[in-house]
Amino acid sequence: MALSIIAVTVFLFYRYAMRKGLFKKSEELQLIALLPLGNDKVYLIRCKDQIICVFAGKSGVMLLGKWSLNDWSENKKYV
């Protein structure tokens, strides 16, 4: 009985949240590319009007580069 009450509550909350736009996708943060390097990874992420390249590995996280979206769009055609 308790599980059915919890399930109904979650279902109703989910419907309410979808109608109010609480689970709406954000266009401000987007994963552009992921490059796996063994256990490490390189991420290319768009944050609003910037492109950020990040290395994540066992030793930690390191910023590899940051570009404005305009610079990225202009230089992309030369790659």
C-alpha atoms as a PDB file:
ATOM      1  CA  MET A   1       0.000   0.000   0.000  1.00  0.00           C
ATOM      2  CA  ALA A   2       2.798   2.413   0.920  1.00  0.00           C
ATOM      3  CA  LEU A   3       4.642   1.712  -2.348  1.00  0.00           C
ATOM      4  CA  SER A   4       1.534   2.429  -4.399  1.00  0.00           C
ATOM      5  CA  ILE A   5       1.068   5.773  -2.619  1.00  0.00           C
ATOM      6  CA  ILE A   6       4.702   6.683  -3.313  1.00  0.00           C
ATOM      7  CA  ALA A   7       4.362   5.639  -6.961  1.00  0.00           C
ATOM      8  CA  VAL A   8       1.210   7.744  -7.452  1.00  0.00           C
ATOM      9  CA  THR A   9       2.879  10.734  -5.762  1.00  0.00           C
ATOM     10  CA  VAL A  10       5.942  10.469  -8.009  1.00  0.00           C
ATOM     11  CA  PHE A  11       3.740  10.114 -11.090  1.00  0.00           C
ATOM     12  CA  LEU A  12       1.695  13.198 -10.190  1.00  0.00           C
ATOM     13  CA  PHE A  13       4.810  15.235  -9.416  1.00  0.00           C
ATOM     14  CA  TYR A  14       6.345  14.199 -12.748  1.00  0.00           C
ATOM     15  CA  ARG A  15       3.222  15.283 -14.665  1.00  0.00           C
ATOM     16  CA  TYR A  16       3.126  18.588 -12.772  1.00  0.00           C
ATOM     17  CA  ALA A  17       6.824  19.221 -13.436  1.00  0.00           C
ATOM     18  CA  MET A  18       6.461  18.485 -17.152  1.00  0.00           C
ATOM     19  CA  ARG A  19       3.556  20.934 -17.475  1.00  0.00           C
ATOM     20  CA  LYS A  20       5.415  23.691 -15.611  1.00  0.00           C
ATOM     21  CA  GLY A  21       8.612  23.140 -17.595  1.00  0.00           C
ATOM     22  CA  LEU A  22      10.803  22.110 -14.656  1.00  0.00           C
ATOM     23  CA  PHE A  23      12.459  19.344 -16.718  1.00  0.00           C
ATOM     24  CA  LYS A  24      12.980  21.539 -19.760  1.00  0.00           C
ATOM     25  CA  LYS A  25      16.263  21.013 -21.626  1.00  0.00           C
ATOM     26  CA  SER A  26      18.715  23.851 -21.307  1.00  0.00           C
ATOM     27  CA  GLU A  27      20.371  25.189 -24.432  1.00  0.00           C
ATOM     28  CA  GLU A  28      22.990  27.001 -22.341  1.00  0.00           C
ATOM     29  CA  LEU A  29      25.057  23.888 -21.561  1.00  0.00           C
ATOM     30  CA  GLN A  30      25.765  21.267 -24.213  1.00  0.00           C
ATOM     31  CA  LEU A  31      28.319  18.476 -24.587  1.00  0.00           C
ATOM     32  CA  ILE A  32      29.794  18.858 -28.067  1.00  0.00           C
ATOM     33  CA  ALA A  33      32.367  16.060 -28.077  1.00  0.00           C
ATOM     34  CA  LEU A  34      33.910  13.399 -25.851  1.00  0.00           C
ATOM     35  CA  LEU A  35      37.292  11.796 -26.500  1.00  0.00           C
ATOM     36  CA  PRO A  36      38.078   8.767 -24.306  1.00  0.00           C
ATOM     37  CA  LEU A  37      41.806   8.240 -23.672  1.00  0.00           C
ATOM     38  CA  GLY A  38      41.956   4.970 -21.739  1.00  0.00           C
ATOM     39  CA  ASN A  39      40.656   5.823 -18.274  1.00  0.00           C
ATOM     40  CA  ASP A  40      40.922   9.565 -18.964  1.00  0.00           C
ATOM     41  CA  LYS A  41      38.602  11.722 -21.061  1.00  0.00           C
ATOM     42  CA  VAL A  42      38.659  15.028 -22.929  1.00  0.00           C
ATOM     43  CA  TYR A  43      35.366  16.947 -23.011  1.00  0.00           C
ATOM     44  CA  LEU A  44      34.381  19.749 -25.380  1.00  0.00           C
ATOM     45  CA  ILE A  45      31.514  21.698 -23.798  1.00  0.00           C
ATOM     46  CA  ARG A  46      29.478  24.707 -24.952  1.00  0.00           C
ATOM     47  CA  CYS A  47      28.529  27.038 -22.079  1.00  0.00           C
ATOM     48  CA  LYS A  48      26.270  29.849 -23.325  1.00  0.00           C
ATOM     49  CA  ASP A  49      28.567  31.767 -25.685  1.00  0.00           C
ATOM     50  CA  GLN A  50      31.842  29.961 -24.915  1.00  0.00           C
ATOM     51  CA  ILE A  51      33.447  26.661 -25.885  1.00  0.00           C
ATOM     52  CA  ILE A  52      35.486  24.970 -23.129  1.00  0.00           C
ATOM     53  CA  CYS A  53      37.859  22.028 -23.493  1.00  0.00           C
ATOM     54  CA  VAL A  54      38.472  20.043 -20.282  1.00  0.00           C
ATOM     55  CA  PHE A  55      40.708  17.060 -19.487  1.00  0.00           C
ATOM     56  CA  ALA A  56      39.383  14.729 -16.753  1.00  0.00           C
ATOM     57  CA  GLY A  57      41.554  11.917 -15.451  1.00  0.00           C
ATOM     58  CA  LYS A  58      42.893  10.184 -12.372  1.00  0.00           C
ATOM     59  CA  SER A  59      45.069  13.169 -11.524  1.00  0.00           C
ATOM     60  CA  GLY A  60      42.119  15.580 -11.606  1.00  0.00           C
ATOM     61  CA  VAL A  61      40.446  18.013 -13.980  1.00  0.00           C
ATOM     62  CA  MET A  62      42.375  20.526 -16.075  1.00  0.00           C
ATOM     63  CA  LEU A  63      41.153  23.289 -18.371  1.00  0.00           C
ATOM     64  CA  LEU A  64      42.793  22.867 -21.779  1.00  0.00           C
ATOM     65  CA  GLY A  65      41.279  25.849 -23.551  1.00  0.00           C
ATOM     66  CA  LYS A  66      38.453  28.364 -23.740  1.00  0.00           C
ATOM     67  CA  TRP A  67      37.119  30.090 -26.856  1.00  0.00           C
ATOM     68  CA  SER A  68      34.225  32.405 -27.627  1.00  0.00           C
ATOM     69  CA  LEU A  69      31.493  30.909 -29.797  1.00  0.00           C
ATOM     70  CA  ASN A  70      32.229  33.438 -32.559  1.00  0.00           C
ATOM     71  CA  ASP A  71      35.949  32.521 -32.652  1.00  0.00           C
ATOM     72  CA  TRP A  72      35.065  28.825 -32.650  1.00  0.00           C
ATOM     73  CA  SER A  73      32.631  29.243 -35.564  1.00  0.00           C
ATOM     74  CA  GLU A  74      35.146  31.233 -37.619  1.00  0.00           C
ATOM     75  CA  ASN A  75      38.032  28.785 -37.065  1.00  0.00           C
ATOM     76  CA  LYS A  76      35.915  25.663 -37.457  1.00  0.00           C
ATOM     77  CA  LYS A  77      35.816  26.009 -41.236  1.00  0.00           C
ATOM     78  CA  TYR A  78      39.641  25.737 -41.403  1.00  0.00           C
ATOM     79  CA  VAL A  79      39.802  22.446 -39.488  1.00  0.00           C
END
